[in-house]
Amino acid sequence: MQVLREQLLQHKDLPRNIAEIERCFKGGGNNVDDEGKLVWKNGEVVINFGAKAGTTLKQCDPAYLQWILRSNFSAEVKAIITKALAGKYPTRSS
């Protein structure tokens, strides 16, 4: 705990809550969602599973995105997909 505390004090760019720290460990900081179904690649959100793995949200067939909404994905993934279908894509803040 002391090492983590000191690291947080010295490095202001490190995540400040458990969810952000966990996300860094799970996907090397590239995950868009907590499960890593969507990842950052070259500044774009890319699907990281299944038949469309490697496809950006912008390039993905809307029918596939609709399938994601009807399937057993997390609420977080579904919210991102819903916005993408409306033409609103995530932007990377860092």
N, C-alpha and C. Protein backbone atom coordinates (compact mmCIF):
# COMPACT_ATOMS: atom_id res chain seq x y z
N MET A 1 0.83 -1.20 0.00
CA MET A 1 0.00 0.00 0.00
C MET A 1 0.87 1.26 0.00
N GLN A 2 1.96 1.20 0.73
CA GLN A 2 2.85 2.36 0.79
C GLN A 2 3.44 2.66 -0.59
N VAL A 3 3.82 1.63 -1.33
CA VAL A 3 4.40 1.83 -2.67
C VAL A 3 3.36 2.48 -3.59
N LEU A 4 2.15 1.96 -3.56
CA LEU A 4 1.08 2.54 -4.38
C LEU A 4 0.83 3.99 -3.99
N ARG A 5 0.78 4.26 -2.72
CA ARG A 5 0.56 5.63 -2.24
C ARG A 5 1.63 6.57 -2.78
N GLU A 6 2.89 6.14 -2.66
CA GLU A 6 4.01 6.97 -3.12
C GLU A 6 3.96 7.18 -4.64
N GLN A 7 3.61 6.13 -5.37
CA GLN A 7 3.49 6.25 -6.82
C GLN A 7 2.40 7.26 -7.21
N LEU A 8 1.28 7.19 -6.52
CA LEU A 8 0.19 8.12 -6.79
C LEU A 8 0.57 9.56 -6.46
N LEU A 9 1.37 9.74 -5.41
CA LEU A 9 1.81 11.08 -5.05
C LEU A 9 2.80 11.64 -6.08
N GLN A 10 3.66 10.79 -6.62
CA GLN A 10 4.68 11.25 -7.56
C GLN A 10 4.17 11.37 -9.00
N HIS A 11 3.22 10.56 -9.37
CA HIS A 11 2.77 10.51 -10.77
C HIS A 11 1.30 10.91 -10.86
N LYS A 12 1.08 12.16 -11.13
CA LYS A 12 -0.28 12.70 -11.15
C LYS A 12 -1.13 12.17 -12.31
N ASP A 13 -0.48 11.56 -13.33
CA ASP A 13 -1.21 11.05 -14.49
C ASP A 13 -1.75 9.63 -14.27
N LEU A 14 -1.42 8.99 -13.16
CA LEU A 14 -1.93 7.65 -12.88
C LEU A 14 -3.42 7.70 -12.55
N PRO A 15 -4.12 6.61 -12.84
CA PRO A 15 -5.56 6.54 -12.50
C PRO A 15 -5.77 6.76 -11.01
N ARG A 16 -6.91 7.32 -10.67
CA ARG A 16 -7.18 7.67 -9.27
C ARG A 16 -8.27 6.83 -8.61
N ASN A 17 -8.87 5.90 -9.33
CA ASN A 17 -9.85 5.04 -8.68
C ASN A 17 -9.63 3.59 -9.12
N ILE A 18 -10.22 2.67 -8.40
CA ILE A 18 -9.99 1.24 -8.61
C ILE A 18 -10.39 0.81 -10.03
N ALA A 19 -11.52 1.30 -10.53
CA ALA A 19 -11.97 0.90 -11.87
C ALA A 19 -10.96 1.31 -12.94
N GLU A 20 -10.41 2.51 -12.82
CA GLU A 20 -9.43 2.97 -13.81
C GLU A 20 -8.12 2.19 -13.70
N ILE A 21 -7.70 1.89 -12.48
CA ILE A 21 -6.47 1.11 -12.28
C ILE A 21 -6.66 -0.29 -12.85
N GLU A 22 -7.79 -0.91 -12.56
CA GLU A 22 -8.08 -2.25 -13.06
C GLU A 22 -8.11 -2.28 -14.58
N ARG A 23 -8.70 -1.26 -15.20
CA ARG A 23 -8.77 -1.19 -16.65
C ARG A 23 -7.36 -1.15 -17.26
N CYS A 24 -6.46 -0.45 -16.63
CA CYS A 24 -5.08 -0.39 -17.13
C CYS A 24 -4.42 -1.76 -17.11
N PHE A 25 -4.67 -2.53 -16.06
CA PHE A 25 -4.06 -3.85 -15.97
C PHE A 25 -4.69 -4.82 -16.93
N LYS A 26 -5.98 -4.72 -17.14
CA LYS A 26 -6.68 -5.67 -18.02
C LYS A 26 -6.31 -5.49 -19.48
N GLY A 27 -6.19 -4.27 -19.93
CA GLY A 27 -5.99 -4.08 -21.36
C GLY A 27 -4.81 -3.21 -21.70
N GLY A 28 -3.89 -3.08 -20.80
CA GLY A 28 -2.74 -2.25 -21.08
C GLY A 28 -3.13 -0.80 -21.31
N GLY A 29 -4.29 -0.40 -20.81
CA GLY A 29 -4.75 0.98 -20.99
C GLY A 29 -5.48 1.21 -22.30
N ASN A 30 -5.68 0.15 -23.10
CA ASN A 30 -6.34 0.32 -24.39
C ASN A 30 -7.82 -0.06 -24.39
N ASN A 31 -8.31 -0.62 -23.30
CA ASN A 31 -9.71 -1.01 -23.27
C ASN A 31 -10.61 0.22 -23.22
N VAL A 32 -11.67 0.17 -24.00
CA VAL A 32 -12.69 1.22 -23.95
C VAL A 32 -13.71 0.88 -22.87
N ASP A 33 -14.04 -0.40 -22.76
CA ASP A 33 -14.99 -0.88 -21.75
C ASP A 33 -14.25 -1.78 -20.77
N ASP A 34 -14.90 -2.07 -19.66
CA ASP A 34 -14.25 -2.86 -18.60
C ASP A 34 -13.90 -4.28 -19.00
N GLU A 35 -14.62 -4.84 -19.97
CA GLU A 35 -14.38 -6.23 -20.37
C GLU A 35 -13.41 -6.35 -21.54
N GLY A 36 -13.06 -5.25 -22.17
CA GLY A 36 -12.15 -5.30 -23.30
C GLY A 36 -12.80 -5.74 -24.60
N LYS A 37 -14.12 -5.64 -24.68
CA LYS A 37 -14.82 -5.96 -25.93
C LYS A 37 -14.54 -4.91 -27.00
N LEU A 38 -14.28 -3.69 -26.56
CA LEU A 38 -13.94 -2.58 -27.44
C LEU A 38 -12.60 -2.02 -26.97
N VAL A 39 -11.71 -1.76 -27.91
CA VAL A 39 -10.38 -1.26 -27.56
C VAL A 39 -10.00 -0.08 -28.44
N TRP A 40 -9.02 0.69 -27.98
CA TRP A 40 -8.48 1.80 -28.76
C TRP A 40 -7.39 1.26 -29.68
N LYS A 41 -7.43 1.66 -30.94
CA LYS A 41 -6.37 1.34 -31.88
C LYS A 41 -6.24 2.51 -32.85
N ASN A 42 -5.06 3.12 -32.84
CA ASN A 42 -4.82 4.28 -33.71
C ASN A 42 -5.87 5.37 -33.54
N GLY A 43 -6.28 5.61 -32.29
CA GLY A 43 -7.23 6.67 -32.00
C GLY A 43 -8.68 6.35 -32.31
N GLU A 44 -8.97 5.13 -32.73
CA GLU A 44 -10.33 4.71 -33.07
C GLU A 44 -10.76 3.59 -32.13
N VAL A 45 -12.08 3.47 -31.93
CA VAL A 45 -12.61 2.35 -31.17
C VAL A 45 -12.78 1.18 -32.12
N VAL A 46 -12.21 0.03 -31.72
CA VAL A 46 -12.20 -1.16 -32.55
C VAL A 46 -12.87 -2.31 -31.79
N ILE A 47 -13.64 -3.11 -32.51
CA ILE A 47 -14.24 -4.30 -31.93
C ILE A 47 -13.13 -5.31 -31.68
N ASN A 48 -13.16 -5.93 -30.51
CA ASN A 48 -12.07 -6.80 -30.07
C ASN A 48 -12.54 -8.24 -29.85
N PHE A 49 -13.54 -8.69 -30.60
CA PHE A 49 -14.05 -10.06 -30.45
C PHE A 49 -14.78 -10.47 -31.73
N GLY A 50 -14.94 -11.74 -31.89
CA GLY A 50 -15.82 -12.29 -32.92
C GLY A 50 -15.42 -12.02 -34.36
N ALA A 51 -16.41 -12.16 -35.23
CA ALA A 51 -16.21 -12.06 -36.68
C ALA A 51 -15.73 -10.69 -37.13
N LYS A 52 -16.04 -9.66 -36.38
CA LYS A 52 -15.68 -8.29 -36.77
C LYS A 52 -14.48 -7.76 -35.98
N ALA A 53 -13.75 -8.64 -35.32
CA ALA A 53 -12.58 -8.21 -34.55
C ALA A 53 -11.63 -7.44 -35.46
N GLY A 54 -11.20 -6.27 -34.98
CA GLY A 54 -10.30 -5.42 -35.75
C GLY A 54 -11.00 -4.35 -36.57
N THR A 55 -12.32 -4.40 -36.60
CA THR A 55 -13.11 -3.41 -37.36
C THR A 55 -13.44 -2.23 -36.47
N THR A 56 -13.26 -1.01 -36.98
CA THR A 56 -13.62 0.16 -36.19
C THR A 56 -15.14 0.28 -36.11
N LEU A 57 -15.61 0.94 -35.08
CA LEU A 57 -17.06 1.16 -34.96
C LEU A 57 -17.59 1.92 -36.16
N LYS A 58 -16.82 2.88 -36.64
CA LYS A 58 -17.26 3.69 -37.78
C LYS A 58 -17.42 2.86 -39.04
N GLN A 59 -16.61 1.83 -39.20
CA GLN A 59 -16.65 0.99 -40.40
C GLN A 59 -17.57 -0.22 -40.26
N CYS A 60 -18.01 -0.50 -39.07
CA CYS A 60 -18.76 -1.72 -38.82
C CYS A 60 -20.18 -1.65 -39.40
N ASP A 61 -20.62 -2.76 -39.93
CA ASP A 61 -21.98 -2.90 -40.45
C ASP A 61 -22.98 -2.63 -39.32
N PRO A 62 -23.93 -1.70 -39.54
CA PRO A 62 -24.92 -1.41 -38.50
C PRO A 62 -25.71 -2.64 -38.04
N ALA A 63 -25.89 -3.61 -38.93
CA ALA A 63 -26.61 -4.83 -38.55
C ALA A 63 -25.84 -5.60 -37.47
N TYR A 64 -24.52 -5.58 -37.55
CA TYR A 64 -23.70 -6.24 -36.53
C TYR A 64 -23.82 -5.50 -35.20
N LEU A 65 -23.81 -4.18 -35.27
CA LEU A 65 -23.97 -3.39 -34.04
C LEU A 65 -25.34 -3.63 -33.41
N GLN A 66 -26.36 -3.77 -34.24
CA GLN A 66 -27.71 -4.08 -33.73
C GLN A 66 -27.72 -5.45 -33.06
N TRP A 67 -26.98 -6.40 -33.64
CA TRP A 67 -26.88 -7.73 -33.05
C TRP A 67 -26.27 -7.64 -31.65
N ILE A 68 -25.25 -6.80 -31.49
CA ILE A 68 -24.63 -6.62 -30.17
C ILE A 68 -25.66 -6.13 -29.18
N LEU A 69 -26.51 -5.19 -29.60
CA LEU A 69 -27.53 -4.65 -28.70
C LEU A 69 -28.54 -5.72 -28.28
N ARG A 70 -28.82 -6.67 -29.13
CA ARG A 70 -29.79 -7.73 -28.81
C ARG A 70 -29.16 -8.89 -28.04
N SER A 71 -27.85 -8.89 -27.93
CA SER A 71 -27.13 -10.02 -27.33
C SER A 71 -26.74 -9.74 -25.89
N ASN A 72 -26.04 -10.69 -25.31
CA ASN A 72 -25.69 -10.65 -23.89
C ASN A 72 -24.36 -9.93 -23.65
N PHE A 73 -24.35 -8.64 -23.91
CA PHE A 73 -23.18 -7.81 -23.64
C PHE A 73 -23.50 -6.88 -22.48
N SER A 74 -22.46 -6.32 -21.89
CA SER A 74 -22.64 -5.44 -20.73
C SER A 74 -23.40 -4.18 -21.12
N ALA A 75 -24.00 -3.57 -20.13
CA ALA A 75 -24.70 -2.30 -20.34
C ALA A 75 -23.73 -1.23 -20.86
N GLU A 76 -22.48 -1.31 -20.41
CA GLU A 76 -21.47 -0.35 -20.85
C GLU A 76 -21.23 -0.47 -22.36
N VAL A 77 -21.04 -1.69 -22.84
CA VAL A 77 -20.82 -1.92 -24.27
C VAL A 77 -22.06 -1.48 -25.06
N LYS A 78 -23.23 -1.85 -24.59
CA LYS A 78 -24.46 -1.49 -25.29
C LYS A 78 -24.66 0.02 -25.36
N ALA A 79 -24.27 0.74 -24.33
CA ALA A 79 -24.39 2.20 -24.35
C ALA A 79 -23.46 2.80 -25.40
N ILE A 80 -22.26 2.29 -25.51
CA ILE A 80 -21.30 2.77 -26.51
C ILE A 80 -21.82 2.47 -27.92
N ILE A 81 -22.35 1.27 -28.11
CA ILE A 81 -22.87 0.87 -29.42
C ILE A 81 -24.09 1.70 -29.79
N THR A 82 -24.96 1.96 -28.84
CA THR A 82 -26.15 2.78 -29.10
C THR A 82 -25.74 4.16 -29.59
N LYS A 83 -24.76 4.76 -28.95
CA LYS A 83 -24.27 6.08 -29.37
C LYS A 83 -23.62 6.00 -30.75
N ALA A 84 -22.87 4.93 -31.00
CA ALA A 84 -22.22 4.77 -32.32
C ALA A 84 -23.26 4.69 -33.43
N LEU A 85 -24.34 3.98 -33.18
CA LEU A 85 -25.41 3.89 -34.18
C LEU A 85 -26.04 5.24 -34.46
N ALA A 86 -25.95 6.15 -33.49
CA ALA A 86 -26.46 7.52 -33.66
C ALA A 86 -25.39 8.45 -34.21
N GLY A 87 -24.22 7.89 -34.56
CA GLY A 87 -23.14 8.70 -35.13
C GLY A 87 -22.26 9.40 -34.10
N LYS A 88 -22.37 9.00 -32.83
CA LYS A 88 -21.56 9.59 -31.76
C LYS A 88 -20.55 8.56 -31.29
N TYR A 89 -19.30 8.76 -31.66
CA TYR A 89 -18.24 7.80 -31.34
C TYR A 89 -17.39 8.33 -30.18
N PRO A 90 -16.91 7.39 -29.34
CA PRO A 90 -16.05 7.81 -28.22
C PRO A 90 -14.79 8.49 -28.73
N THR A 91 -14.30 9.41 -27.93
CA THR A 91 -13.00 10.03 -28.21
C THR A 91 -12.10 9.74 -27.02
N ARG A 92 -10.86 9.57 -27.31
CA ARG A 92 -9.92 9.23 -26.25
C ARG A 92 -9.47 10.52 -25.57
N SER A 93 -9.63 10.57 -24.26
CA SER A 93 -9.32 11.79 -23.52
C SER A 93 -7.82 11.95 -23.25
N SER A 94 -7.08 10.83 -23.27
CA SER A 94 -5.66 10.94 -22.96
C SER A 94 -4.80 10.53 -24.12
